[in-house]
PDB file of N, CA and C in Angstrom:
ATOM      1  N   MET A   1     172.503 -79.689 209.854  1.00  0.00           N
ATOM      2  CA  MET A   1     171.901 -78.599 209.227  1.00  0.00           C
ATOM      3  C   MET A   1     172.332 -78.494 207.717  1.00  0.00           C
ATOM      4  N   LYS A   2     173.734 -78.640 207.550  1.00  0.00           N
ATOM      5  CA  LYS A   2     174.272 -78.469 206.189  1.00  0.00           C
ATOM      6  C   LYS A   2     173.741 -79.581 205.236  1.00  0.00           C
ATOM      7  N   GLU A   3     173.528 -80.713 205.723  1.00  0.00           N
ATOM      8  CA  GLU A   3     172.859 -81.822 204.999  1.00  0.00           C
ATOM      9  C   GLU A   3     171.398 -81.427 204.527  1.00  0.00           C
ATOM     10  N   ARG A   4     170.716 -80.795 205.449  1.00  0.00           N
ATOM     11  CA  ARG A   4     169.284 -80.485 205.146  1.00  0.00           C
ATOM     12  C   ARG A   4     169.343 -79.373 204.006  1.00  0.00           C
ATOM     13  N   LEU A   5     170.256 -78.373 204.099  1.00  0.00           N
ATOM     14  CA  LEU A   5     170.341 -77.460 202.993  1.00  0.00           C
ATOM     15  C   LEU A   5     170.785 -77.885 201.730  1.00  0.00           C
ATOM     16  N   GLN A   6     171.708 -78.842 201.714  1.00  0.00           N
ATOM     17  CA  GLN A   6     172.069 -79.567 200.416  1.00  0.00           C
ATOM     18  C   GLN A   6     171.060 -80.242 199.847  1.00  0.00           C
ATOM     19  N   LYS A   7     170.291 -80.993 200.806  1.00  0.00           N
ATOM     20  CA  LYS A   7     169.107 -81.851 200.262  1.00  0.00           C
ATOM     21  C   LYS A   7     168.048 -80.895 199.623  1.00  0.00           C
ATOM     22  N   LEU A   8     167.799 -79.673 200.369  1.00  0.00           N
ATOM     23  CA  LEU A   8     166.824 -78.781 199.767  1.00  0.00           C
ATOM     24  C   LEU A   8     167.209 -78.170 198.499  1.00  0.00           C
ATOM     25  N   PHE A   9     168.493 -77.807 198.307  1.00  0.00           N
ATOM     26  CA  PHE A   9     169.018 -77.422 196.941  1.00  0.00           C
ATOM     27  C   PHE A   9     169.016 -78.399 195.883  1.00  0.00           C
ATOM     28  N   HIS A  10     169.013 -79.676 196.189  1.00  0.00           N
ATOM     29  CA  HIS A  10     168.864 -80.611 195.111  1.00  0.00           C
ATOM     30  C   HIS A  10     167.445 -80.977 194.728  1.00  0.00           C
ATOM     31  N   ASN A  11     166.510 -80.445 195.564  1.00  0.00           N
ATOM     32  CA  ASN A  11     165.210 -80.581 195.165  1.00  0.00           C
ATOM     33  C   ASN A  11     164.856 -79.547 194.042  1.00  0.00           C
ATOM     34  N   ARG A  12     164.317 -80.147 192.818  1.00  0.00           N
ATOM     35  CA  ARG A  12     164.104 -79.453 191.593  1.00  0.00           C
ATOM     36  C   ARG A  12     163.020 -78.314 191.866  1.00  0.00           C
ATOM     37  N   THR A  13     162.005 -78.658 192.577  1.00  0.00           N
ATOM     38  CA  THR A  13     160.848 -77.743 192.774  1.00  0.00           C
ATOM     39  C   THR A  13     161.406 -76.534 193.589  1.00  0.00           C
ATOM     40  N   PHE A  14     162.188 -76.770 194.596  1.00  0.00           N
ATOM     41  CA  PHE A  14     162.672 -75.712 195.432  1.00  0.00           C
ATOM     42  C   PHE A  14     163.526 -74.662 194.439  1.00  0.00           C
ATOM     43  N   ARG A  15     164.361 -75.333 193.715  1.00  0.00           N
ATOM     44  CA  ARG A  15     165.235 -74.469 192.873  1.00  0.00           C
ATOM     45  C   ARG A  15     164.465 -73.686 191.814  1.00  0.00           C
ATOM     46  N   ILE A  16     163.363 -74.194 191.310  1.00  0.00           N
ATOM     47  CA  ILE A  16     162.513 -73.454 190.333  1.00  0.00           C
ATOM     48  C   ILE A  16     161.834 -72.343 191.097  1.00  0.00           C
ATOM     49  N   VAL A  17     161.316 -72.637 192.236  1.00  0.00           N
ATOM     50  CA  VAL A  17     160.664 -71.540 193.098  1.00  0.00           C
ATOM     51  C   VAL A  17     161.730 -70.438 193.531  1.00  0.00           C
ATOM     52  N   LEU A  18     162.890 -70.819 193.927  1.00  0.00           N
ATOM     53  CA  LEU A  18     163.790 -69.819 194.266  1.00  0.00           C
ATOM     54  C   LEU A  18     164.324 -68.991 192.966  1.00  0.00           C
ATOM     55  N   ILE A  19     164.396 -69.554 191.777  1.00  0.00           N
ATOM     56  CA  ILE A  19     164.711 -68.806 190.611  1.00  0.00           C
ATOM     57  C   ILE A  19     163.564 -67.819 190.287  1.00  0.00           C
ATOM     58  N   CYS A  20     162.313 -68.309 190.402  1.00  0.00           N
ATOM     59  CA  CYS A  20     161.154 -67.375 190.022  1.00  0.00           C
ATOM     60  C   CYS A  20     161.046 -66.348 191.094  1.00  0.00           C
ATOM     61  N   VAL A  21     161.477 -66.493 192.365  1.00  0.00           N
ATOM     62  CA  VAL A  21     161.362 -65.405 193.375  1.00  0.00           C
ATOM     63  C   VAL A  21     162.493 -64.387 192.976  1.00  0.00           C
ATOM     64  N   ALA A  22     163.545 -64.803 192.623  1.00  0.00           N
ATOM     65  CA  ALA A  22     164.738 -63.938 192.377  1.00  0.00           C
ATOM     66  C   ALA A  22     164.459 -63.128 191.066  1.00  0.00           C
ATOM     67  N   ALA A  23     163.841 -63.761 190.117  1.00  0.00           N
ATOM     68  CA  ALA A  23     163.437 -63.046 188.931  1.00  0.00           C
ATOM     69  C   ALA A  23     162.372 -62.026 189.177  1.00  0.00           C
ATOM     70  N   LEU A  24     161.474 -62.373 190.043  1.00  0.00           N
ATOM     71  CA  LEU A  24     160.438 -61.341 190.421  1.00  0.00           C
ATOM     72  C   LEU A  24     160.962 -60.194 191.158  1.00  0.00           C
ATOM     73  N   LEU A  25     162.005 -60.478 192.053  1.00  0.00           N
ATOM     74  CA  LEU A  25     162.512 -59.334 192.688  1.00  0.00           C
ATOM     75  C   LEU A  25     163.350 -58.486 191.799  1.00  0.00           C
ATOM     76  N   LEU A  26     164.077 -59.033 190.831  1.00  0.00           N
ATOM     77  CA  LEU A  26     164.899 -58.308 189.910  1.00  0.00           C
ATOM     78  C   LEU A  26     163.941 -57.473 188.929  1.00  0.00           C
ATOM     79  N   LEU A  27     162.765 -58.127 188.567  1.00  0.00           N
ATOM     80  CA  LEU A  27     161.791 -57.385 187.846  1.00  0.00           C
ATOM     81  C   LEU A  27     161.192 -56.178 188.597  1.00  0.00           C
ATOM     82  N   LEU A  28     160.917 -56.332 189.822  1.00  0.00           N
ATOM     83  CA  LEU A  28     160.391 -55.314 190.764  1.00  0.00           C
ATOM     84  C   LEU A  28     161.539 -54.228 190.874  1.00  0.00           C
ATOM     85  N   ALA A  29     162.749 -54.539 191.076  1.00  0.00           N
ATOM     86  CA  ALA A  29     163.727 -53.526 191.143  1.00  0.00           C
ATOM     87  C   ALA A  29     163.943 -52.682 189.848  1.00  0.00           C
ATOM     88  N   VAL A  30     163.891 -53.380 188.735  1.00  0.00           N
ATOM     89  CA  VAL A  30     164.021 -52.615 187.393  1.00  0.00           C
ATOM     90  C   VAL A  30     162.750 -51.756 187.199  1.00  0.00           C
ATOM     91  N   TRP A  31     161.564 -52.301 187.554  1.00  0.00           N
ATOM     92  CA  TRP A  31     160.410 -51.484 187.341  1.00  0.00           C
ATOM     93  C   TRP A  31     160.453 -50.185 188.279  1.00  0.00           C
ATOM     94  N   ARG A  32     160.864 -50.232 189.388  1.00  0.00           N
ATOM     95  CA  ARG A  32     160.969 -49.061 190.375  1.00  0.00           C
ATOM     96  C   ARG A  32     162.057 -48.080 189.858  1.00  0.00           C
ATOM     97  N   ILE A  33     163.041 -48.625 189.199  1.00  0.00           N
ATOM     98  CA  ILE A  33     164.047 -47.674 188.803  1.00  0.00           C
ATOM     99  C   ILE A  33     163.701 -46.927 187.428  1.00  0.00           C
ATOM    100  N   PHE A  34     163.104 -47.697 186.596  1.00  0.00           N
ATOM    101  CA  PHE A  34     162.725 -47.173 185.272  1.00  0.00           C
ATOM    102  C   PHE A  34     161.342 -46.567 185.168  1.00  0.00           C
ATOM    103  N   PHE A  35     160.471 -46.919 186.007  1.00  0.00           N
ATOM    104  CA  PHE A  35     159.077 -46.428 186.064  1.00  0.00           C
ATOM    105  C   PHE A  35     158.648 -45.945 187.424  1.00  0.00           C
ATOM    106  N   PRO A  36     159.351 -44.886 187.914  1.00  0.00           N
ATOM    107  CA  PRO A  36     158.928 -44.397 189.222  1.00  0.00           C
ATOM    108  C   PRO A  36     157.488 -43.915 189.430  1.00  0.00           C
ATOM    109  N   SER A  37     156.995 -44.200 190.519  1.00  0.00           N
ATOM    110  CA  SER A  37     155.504 -43.829 190.725  1.00  0.00           C
ATOM    111  C   SER A  37     155.458 -42.287 190.744  1.00  0.00           C
ATOM    112  N   LYS A  38     154.247 -41.649 190.605  1.00  0.00           N
ATOM    113  CA  LYS A  38     153.970 -40.307 190.442  1.00  0.00           C
ATOM    114  C   LYS A  38     154.385 -39.595 191.871  1.00  0.00           C
ATOM    115  N   ALA A  39     154.273 -40.321 192.945  1.00  0.00           N
ATOM    116  CA  ALA A  39     154.651 -39.779 194.277  1.00  0.00           C
ATOM    117  C   ALA A  39     156.175 -39.584 194.360  1.00  0.00           C
ATOM    118  N   GLN A  40     157.014 -40.442 193.550  1.00  0.00           N
ATOM    119  CA  GLN A  40     158.455 -40.276 193.693  1.00  0.00           C
ATOM    120  C   GLN A  40     158.962 -39.289 192.599  1.00  0.00           C
ATOM    121  N   SER A  41     158.073 -38.959 191.602  1.00  0.00           N
ATOM    122  CA  SER A  41     158.487 -38.050 190.708  1.00  0.00           C
ATOM    123  C   SER A  41     158.884 -36.659 191.172  1.00  0.00           C
ATOM    124  N   THR A  42     159.965 -36.101 190.821  1.00  0.00           N
ATOM    125  CA  THR A  42     160.488 -34.868 191.267  1.00  0.00           C
ATOM    126  C   THR A  42     159.810 -33.719 190.464  1.00  0.00           C
ATOM    127  N   SER A  43     159.450 -33.936 189.282  1.00  0.00           N
ATOM    128  CA  SER A  43     159.020 -32.810 188.557  1.00  0.00           C
ATOM    129  C   SER A  43     157.772 -32.120 189.021  1.00  0.00           C
ATOM    130  N   GLY A  44     156.908 -32.751 189.683  1.00  0.00           N
ATOM    131  CA  GLY A  44     155.571 -32.163 190.230  1.00  0.00           C
ATOM    132  C   GLY A  44     155.914 -31.570 191.501  1.00  0.00           C
ATOM    133  N   SER A  45     157.093 -31.630 192.128  1.00  0.00           N
ATOM    134  CA  SER A  45     157.229 -31.182 193.418  1.00  0.00           C
ATOM    135  C   SER A  45     157.775 -29.730 193.481  1.00  0.00           C
ATOM    136  N   TYR A  46     158.001 -29.174 192.263  1.00  0.00           N
ATOM    137  CA  TYR A  46     158.530 -27.889 192.253  1.00  0.00           C
ATOM    138  C   TYR A  46     157.528 -26.761 192.657  1.00  0.00           C
ATOM    139  N   LYS A  47     157.753 -25.896 193.497  1.00  0.00           N
ATOM    140  CA  LYS A  47     156.849 -24.839 193.880  1.00  0.00           C
ATOM    141  C   LYS A  47     157.333 -23.463 193.347  1.00  0.00           C
ATOM    142  N   PRO A  48     156.621 -22.785 192.458  1.00  0.00           N
ATOM    143  CA  PRO A  48     157.139 -21.610 192.038  1.00  0.00           C
ATOM    144  C   PRO A  48     157.472 -20.679 193.229  1.00  0.00           C
ATOM    145  N   THR A  49     158.402 -19.628 192.963  1.00  0.00           N
ATOM    146  CA  THR A  49     158.687 -18.650 194.026  1.00  0.00           C
ATOM    147  C   THR A  49     157.628 -17.649 193.919  1.00  0.00           C
ATOM    148  N   GLU A  50     157.643 -16.775 194.882  1.00  0.00           N
ATOM    149  CA  GLU A  50     156.574 -15.683 194.880  1.00  0.00           C
ATOM    150  C   GLU A  50     156.773 -14.753 193.763  1.00  0.00           C
ATOM    151  N   LEU A  51     157.959 -14.494 193.320  1.00  0.00           N
ATOM    152  CA  LEU A  51     158.171 -13.608 192.129  1.00  0.00           C
ATOM    153  C   LEU A  51     157.722 -14.173 190.905  1.00  0.00           C
ATOM    154  N   GLU A  52     157.860 -15.552 190.782  1.00  0.00           N
ATOM    155  CA  GLU A  52     157.402 -16.362 189.552  1.00  0.00           C
ATOM    156  C   GLU A  52     155.922 -16.285 189.575  1.00  0.00           C
ATOM    157  N   SER A  53     155.311 -16.629 190.661  1.00  0.00           N
ATOM    158  CA  SER A  53     153.827 -16.585 190.728  1.00  0.00           C
ATOM    159  C   SER A  53     153.228 -15.157 190.522  1.00  0.00           C
ATOM    160  N   ARG A  54     153.911 -13.996 190.962  1.00  0.00           N
ATOM    161  CA  ARG A  54     153.294 -12.862 190.722  1.00  0.00           C
ATOM    162  C   ARG A  54     153.506 -12.355 189.260  1.00  0.00           C
ATOM    163  N   LEU A  55     154.733 -12.722 188.622  1.00  0.00           N
ATOM    164  CA  LEU A  55     154.902 -12.441 187.278  1.00  0.00           C
ATOM    165  C   LEU A  55     153.961 -13.295 186.421  1.00  0.00           C
ATOM    166  N   SER A  56     153.695 -14.454 186.679  1.00  0.00           N
ATOM    167  CA  SER A  56     152.747 -15.251 185.969  1.00  0.00           C
ATOM    168  C   SER A  56     151.296 -14.674 186.004  1.00  0.00           C
ATOM    169  N   GLN A  57     150.929 -14.217 187.166  1.00  0.00           N
ATOM    170  CA  GLN A  57     149.682 -13.650 187.273  1.00  0.00           C
ATOM    171  C   GLN A  57     149.524 -12.333 186.467  1.00  0.00           C
ATOM    172  N   ILE A  58     150.493 -11.551 186.512  1.00  0.00           N
ATOM    173  CA  ILE A  58     150.525 -10.313 185.680  1.00  0.00           C
ATOM    174  C   ILE A  58     150.453 -10.548 184.215  1.00  0.00           C
ATOM    175  N   LEU A  59     151.264 -11.548 183.755  1.00  0.00           N
ATOM    176  CA  LEU A  59     151.303 -11.931 182.384  1.00  0.00           C
ATOM    177  C   LEU A  59     150.065 -12.470 181.929  1.00  0.00           C
ATOM    178  N   SER A  60     149.276 -13.236 182.703  1.00  0.00           N
ATOM    179  CA  SER A  60     148.060 -13.851 182.410  1.00  0.00           C
ATOM    180  C   SER A  60     146.956 -12.636 182.070  1.00  0.00           C
ATOM    181  N   GLU A  61     147.214 -11.561 182.572  1.00  0.00           N
ATOM    182  CA  GLU A  61     146.153 -10.470 182.362  1.00  0.00           C
ATOM    183  C   GLU A  61     146.360  -9.850 180.964  1.00  0.00           C
ATOM    184  N   ILE A  62     147.391 -10.150 180.243  1.00  0.00           N
ATOM    185  CA  ILE A  62     147.669  -9.498 178.929  1.00  0.00           C
ATOM    186  C   ILE A  62     146.805 -10.146 178.034  1.00  0.00           C
ATOM    187  N   ASP A  63     146.174  -9.423 177.014  1.00  0.00           N
ATOM    188  CA  ASP A  63     145.294  -9.932 176.090  1.00  0.00           C
ATOM    189  C   ASP A  63     145.927 -10.839 175.159  1.00  0.00           C
ATOM    190  N   GLY A  64     145.295 -12.155 175.139  1.00  0.00           N
ATOM    191  CA  GLY A  64     145.738 -13.195 174.204  1.00  0.00           C
ATOM    192  C   GLY A  64     146.709 -14.212 174.832  1.00  0.00           C
ATOM    193  N   VAL A  65     147.122 -13.903 176.035  1.00  0.00           N
ATOM    194  CA  VAL A  65     148.133 -14.690 176.617  1.00  0.00           C
ATOM    195  C   VAL A  65     147.479 -16.033 177.273  1.00  0.00           C
ATOM    196  N   GLY A  66     146.552 -15.876 178.051  1.00  0.00           N
ATOM    197  CA  GLY A  66     145.911 -16.991 178.803  1.00  0.00           C
ATOM    198  C   GLY A  66     146.770 -17.371 180.054  1.00  0.00           C
ATOM    199  N   GLN A  67     146.743 -18.697 180.439  1.00  0.00           N
ATOM    200  CA  GLN A  67     147.577 -19.075 181.592  1.00  0.00           C
ATOM    201  C   GLN A  67     149.017 -19.093 181.239  1.00  0.00           C
ATOM    202  N   THR A  68     149.812 -18.805 182.247  1.00  0.00           N
ATOM    203  CA  THR A  68     151.345 -18.817 181.996  1.00  0.00           C
ATOM    204  C   THR A  68     152.074 -19.623 183.000  1.00  0.00           C
ATOM    205  N   THR A  69     153.203 -20.123 182.626  1.00  0.00           N
ATOM    206  CA  THR A  69     154.076 -20.733 183.703  1.00  0.00           C
ATOM    207  C   THR A  69     155.460 -20.020 183.526  1.00  0.00           C
ATOM    208  N   VAL A  70     155.998 -19.632 184.679  1.00  0.00           N
ATOM    209  CA  VAL A  70     157.254 -18.703 184.535  1.00  0.00           C
ATOM    210  C   VAL A  70     158.330 -19.311 185.401  1.00  0.00           C
ATOM    211  N   MET A  71     159.589 -19.415 184.852  1.00  0.00           N
ATOM    212  CA  MET A  71     160.696 -19.761 185.569  1.00  0.00           C
ATOM    213  C   MET A  71     161.720 -18.730 185.477  1.00  0.00           C
ATOM    214  N   ILE A  72     162.149 -18.206 186.511  1.00  0.00           N
ATOM    215  CA  ILE A  72     163.200 -17.127 186.532  1.00  0.00           C
ATOM    216  C   ILE A  72     164.562 -17.510 187.033  1.00  0.00           C
ATOM    217  N   GLY A  73     165.540 -17.330 186.232  1.00  0.00           N
ATOM    218  CA  GLY A  73     166.944 -17.779 186.496  1.00  0.00           C
ATOM    219  C   GLY A  73     167.473 -16.600 187.405  1.00  0.00           C
ATOM    220  N   GLU A  74     168.092 -16.933 188.581  1.00  0.00           N
ATOM    221  CA  GLU A  74     168.785 -15.938 189.431  1.00  0.00           C
ATOM    222  C   GLU A  74     170.140 -16.172 189.716  1.00  0.00           C
ATOM    223  N   GLU A  75     170.959 -15.150 189.870  1.00  0.00           N
ATOM    224  CA  GLU A  75     172.280 -15.297 190.339  1.00  0.00           C
ATOM    225  C   GLU A  75     172.378 -14.345 191.522  1.00  0.00           C
ATOM    226  N   ASN A  76     172.855 -14.874 192.687  1.00  0.00           N
ATOM    227  CA  ASN A  76     172.915 -14.096 193.885  1.00  0.00           C
ATOM    228  C   ASN A  76     171.624 -13.407 194.317  1.00  0.00           C
ATOM    229  N   GLY A  77     170.432 -13.991 193.952  1.00  0.00           N
ATOM    230  CA  GLY A  77     169.155 -13.495 194.264  1.00  0.00           C
ATOM    231  C   GLY A  77     168.657 -12.457 193.363  1.00  0.00           C
ATOM    232  N   VAL A  78     169.445 -12.155 192.283  1.00  0.00           N
ATOM    233  CA  VAL A  78     168.873 -11.191 191.256  1.00  0.00           C
ATOM    234  C   VAL A  78     168.446 -11.889 189.944  1.00  0.00           C
ATOM    235  N   PRO A  79     167.323 -11.511 189.542  1.00  0.00           N
ATOM    236  CA  PRO A  79     166.848 -12.100 188.293  1.00  0.00           C
ATOM    237  C   PRO A  79     167.898 -11.760 187.133  1.00  0.00           C
ATOM    238  N   VAL A  80     168.173 -12.899 186.253  1.00  0.00           N
ATOM    239  CA  VAL A  80     169.068 -12.647 185.156  1.00  0.00           C
ATOM    240  C   VAL A  80     168.404 -13.211 183.762  1.00  0.00           C
ATOM    241  N   SER A  81     167.513 -14.002 183.925  1.00  0.00           N
ATOM    242  CA  SER A  81     166.810 -14.529 182.830  1.00  0.00           C
ATOM    243  C   SER A  81     165.450 -15.085 183.167  1.00  0.00           C
ATOM    244  N   ALA A  82     164.527 -15.221 182.180  1.00  0.00           N
ATOM    245  CA  ALA A  82     163.202 -15.846 182.393  1.00  0.00           C
ATOM    246  C   ALA A  82     162.849 -16.636 181.259  1.00  0.00           C
ATOM    247  N   ILE A  83     162.010 -17.606 181.603  1.00  0.00           N
ATOM    248  CA  ILE A  83     161.443 -18.595 180.546  1.00  0.00           C
ATOM    249  C   ILE A  83     160.017 -18.524 180.814  1.00  0.00           C
ATOM    250  N   ILE A  84     159.179 -18.193 179.794  1.00  0.00           N
ATOM    251  CA  ILE A  84     157.684 -18.136 179.981  1.00  0.00           C
ATOM    252  C   ILE A  84     157.079 -19.081 179.023  1.00  0.00           C
ATOM    253  N   VAL A  85     156.052 -19.849 179.465  1.00  0.00           N
ATOM    254  CA  VAL A  85     155.237 -20.649 178.542  1.00  0.00           C
ATOM    255  C   VAL A  85     153.787 -20.298 178.709  1.00  0.00           C
ATOM    256  N   PHE A  86     153.080 -19.834 177.643  1.00  0.00           N
ATOM    257  CA  PHE A  86     151.735 -19.415 177.743  1.00  0.00           C
ATOM    258  C   PHE A  86     150.838 -20.234 176.960  1.00  0.00           C
ATOM    259  N   ASP A  87     149.506 -20.214 177.328  1.00  0.00           N
ATOM    260  CA  ASP A  87     148.497 -21.002 176.547  1.00  0.00           C
ATOM    261  C   ASP A  87     147.796 -20.356 175.487  1.00  0.00           C
ATOM    262  N   GLY A  88     147.907 -19.073 175.245  1.00  0.00           N
ATOM    263  CA  GLY A  88     147.179 -18.276 174.300  1.00  0.00           C
ATOM    264  C   GLY A  88     147.637 -18.667 172.906  1.00  0.00           C
ATOM    265  N   ALA A  89     146.980 -17.882 171.953  1.00  0.00           N
ATOM    266  CA  ALA A  89     147.370 -17.965 170.578  1.00  0.00           C
ATOM    267  C   ALA A  89     148.954 -17.628 170.270  1.00  0.00           C
ATOM    268  N   ASP A  90     149.535 -18.419 169.490  1.00  0.00           N
ATOM    269  CA  ASP A  90     151.032 -18.014 169.241  1.00  0.00           C
ATOM    270  C   ASP A  90     151.024 -16.889 168.129  1.00  0.00           C
ATOM    271  N   ALA A  91     151.065 -15.703 168.505  1.00  0.00           N
ATOM    272  CA  ALA A  91     151.130 -14.575 167.666  1.00  0.00           C
ATOM    273  C   ALA A  91     152.380 -13.827 168.065  1.00  0.00           C
ATOM    274  N   ILE A  92     152.980 -13.092 167.045  1.00  0.00           N
ATOM    275  CA  ILE A  92     154.157 -12.290 167.290  1.00  0.00           C
ATOM    276  C   ILE A  92     153.871 -11.096 168.317  1.00  0.00           C
ATOM    277  N   LEU A  93     152.794 -10.513 168.049  1.00  0.00           N
ATOM    278  CA  LEU A  93     152.386  -9.545 168.939  1.00  0.00           C
ATOM    279  C   LEU A  93     152.219  -9.943 170.459  1.00  0.00           C
ATOM    280  N   THR A  94     151.658 -11.145 170.570  1.00  0.00           N
ATOM    281  CA  THR A  94     151.463 -11.627 171.930  1.00  0.00           C
ATOM    282  C   THR A  94     152.823 -11.885 172.561  1.00  0.00           C
ATOM    283  N   ARG A  95     153.738 -12.507 171.892  1.00  0.00           N
ATOM    284  CA  ARG A  95     155.084 -12.833 172.266  1.00  0.00           C
ATOM    285  C   ARG A  95     155.778 -11.473 172.668  1.00  0.00           C
ATOM    286  N   MET A  96     155.735 -10.543 171.786  1.00  0.00           N
ATOM    287  CA  MET A  96     156.377  -9.207 172.050  1.00  0.00           C
ATOM    288  C   MET A  96     155.848  -8.538 173.382  1.00  0.00           C
ATOM    289  N   ARG A  97     154.596  -8.659 173.541  1.00  0.00           N
ATOM    290  CA  ARG A  97     153.927  -8.046 174.705  1.00  0.00           C
ATOM    291  C   ARG A  97     154.549  -8.754 175.973  1.00  0.00           C
ATOM    292  N   VAL A  98     154.602 -10.044 175.909  1.00  0.00           N
ATOM    293  CA  VAL A  98     155.030 -10.923 176.996  1.00  0.00           C
ATOM    294  C   VAL A  98     156.504 -10.610 177.375  1.00  0.00           C
ATOM    295  N   ILE A  99     157.348 -10.609 176.343  1.00  0.00           N
ATOM    296  CA  ILE A  99     158.709 -10.227 176.434  1.00  0.00           C
ATOM    297  C   ILE A  99     158.925  -8.955 177.125  1.00  0.00           C
ATOM    298  N   GLU A 100     158.297  -7.962 176.595  1.00  0.00           N
ATOM    299  CA  GLU A 100     158.423  -6.637 177.107  1.00  0.00           C
ATOM    300  C   GLU A 100     157.891  -6.562 178.470  1.00  0.00           C
ATOM    301  N   ALA A 101     156.843  -6.989 178.857  1.00  0.00           N
ATOM    302  CA  ALA A 101     156.291  -6.845 180.256  1.00  0.00           C
ATOM    303  C   ALA A 101     157.238  -7.604 181.208  1.00  0.00           C
ATOM    304  N   ALA A 102     157.640  -8.858 180.904  1.00  0.00           N
ATOM    305  CA  ALA A 102     158.479  -9.689 181.635  1.00  0.00           C
ATOM    306  C   ALA A 102     159.834  -8.906 181.989  1.00  0.00           C
ATOM    307  N   ALA A 103     160.468  -8.440 180.908  1.00  0.00           N
ATOM    308  CA  ALA A 103     161.684  -7.725 180.945  1.00  0.00           C
ATOM    309  C   ALA A 103     161.623  -6.499 181.857  1.00  0.00           C
ATOM    310  N   ASN A 104     160.625  -5.803 181.670  1.00  0.00           N
ATOM    311  CA  ASN A 104     160.446  -4.551 182.531  1.00  0.00           C
ATOM    312  C   ASN A 104     160.160  -4.814 183.956  1.00  0.00           C
ATOM    313  N   ALA A 105     159.327  -5.879 184.226  1.00  0.00           N
ATOM    314  CA  ALA A 105     158.937  -6.194 185.559  1.00  0.00           C
ATOM    315  C   ALA A 105     160.145  -6.784 186.323  1.00  0.00           C
ATOM    316  N   LEU A 106     161.105  -7.530 185.613  1.00  0.00           N
ATOM    317  CA  LEU A 106     162.269  -8.000 186.242  1.00  0.00           C
ATOM    318  C   LEU A 106     163.623  -7.187 186.197  1.00  0.00           C
ATOM    319  N   GLY A 107     163.429  -6.173 185.222  1.00  0.00           N
ATOM    320  CA  GLY A 107     164.625  -5.389 185.155  1.00  0.00           C
ATOM    321  C   GLY A 107     165.706  -5.961 184.427  1.00  0.00           C
ATOM    322  N   ILE A 108     165.503  -6.812 183.448  1.00  0.00           N
ATOM    323  CA  ILE A 108     166.489  -7.427 182.773  1.00  0.00           C
ATOM    324  C   ILE A 108     166.303  -7.141 181.226  1.00  0.00           C
ATOM    325  N   PRO A 109     167.301  -7.338 180.299  1.00  0.00           N
ATOM    326  CA  PRO A 109     167.202  -7.083 178.987  1.00  0.00           C
ATOM    327  C   PRO A 109     166.058  -8.070 178.322  1.00  0.00           C
ATOM    328  N   GLN A 110     165.522  -7.544 177.304  1.00  0.00           N
ATOM    329  CA  GLN A 110     164.529  -8.285 176.594  1.00  0.00           C
ATOM    330  C   GLN A 110     165.015  -9.573 175.896  1.00  0.00           C
ATOM    331  N   THR A 111     166.403  -9.523 175.625  1.00  0.00           N
ATOM    332  CA  THR A 111     166.999 -10.672 175.072  1.00  0.00           C
ATOM    333  C   THR A 111     167.168 -11.838 175.946  1.00  0.00           C
ATOM    334  N   ASP A 112     167.015 -11.567 177.199  1.00  0.00           N
ATOM    335  CA  ASP A 112     167.203 -12.730 178.351  1.00  0.00           C
ATOM    336  C   ASP A 112     165.892 -13.210 178.750  1.00  0.00           C
ATOM    337  N   VAL A 113     164.761 -12.830 178.016  1.00  0.00           N
ATOM    338  CA  VAL A 113     163.438 -13.428 178.216  1.00  0.00           C
ATOM    339  C   VAL A 113     163.094 -14.341 177.020  1.00  0.00           C
ATOM    340  N   LEU A 114     162.834 -15.615 177.314  1.00  0.00           N
ATOM    341  CA  LEU A 114     162.473 -16.555 176.215  1.00  0.00           C
ATOM    342  C   LEU A 114     160.921 -16.964 176.435  1.00  0.00           C
ATOM    343  N   VAL A 115     160.164 -16.794 175.340  1.00  0.00           N
ATOM    344  CA  VAL A 115     158.709 -17.073 175.383  1.00  0.00           C
ATOM    345  C   VAL A 115     158.344 -18.250 174.442  1.00  0.00           C
ATOM    346  N   TYR A 116     157.616 -19.123 174.935  1.00  0.00           N
ATOM    347  CA  TYR A 116     157.105 -20.297 174.208  1.00  0.00           C
ATOM    348  C   TYR A 116     155.620 -20.488 174.305  1.00  0.00           C
ATOM    349  N   PRO A 117     155.002 -20.856 173.226  1.00  0.00           N
ATOM    350  CA  PRO A 117     153.601 -21.239 173.367  1.00  0.00           C
ATOM    351  C   PRO A 117     153.424 -22.652 173.981  1.00  0.00           C
ATOM    352  N   SER A 118     152.366 -22.783 174.779  1.00  0.00           N
ATOM    353  CA  SER A 118     152.117 -24.202 175.282  1.00  0.00           C
ATOM    354  C   SER A 118     151.688 -25.140 174.217  1.00  0.00           C
ATOM    355  N   VAL A 119     151.904 -26.442 174.451  1.00  0.00           N
ATOM    356  CA  VAL A 119     151.514 -27.525 173.443  1.00  0.00           C
ATOM    357  C   VAL A 119     150.003 -27.717 173.461  1.00  0.00           C
TER     358      VAL A 119
END
């Protein structure tokens, strides 16, 4: 058995095929690590909480805001901050309305609400 294995490894074609298979496996491993498929991506698996969904729906009703995405930071189940991204026109009045509405809805200071226009 040992002789057959040594003879097999001395075969040049076998060594080339073995190196190619190893390189292909290494390439596949690198591809899966650095380029995960969409199914493996964790960014799309986040589900907004009920409070985030409700606030997003309310903010979308404000004139000039459009669609919104809301993330609420909580400590011990109590809202302490919010980040809001909206699709509407980037105007100071729109931002002020969104900040004021979100701060009042969550019961947090307006300084703890960050508002950004969508790209």
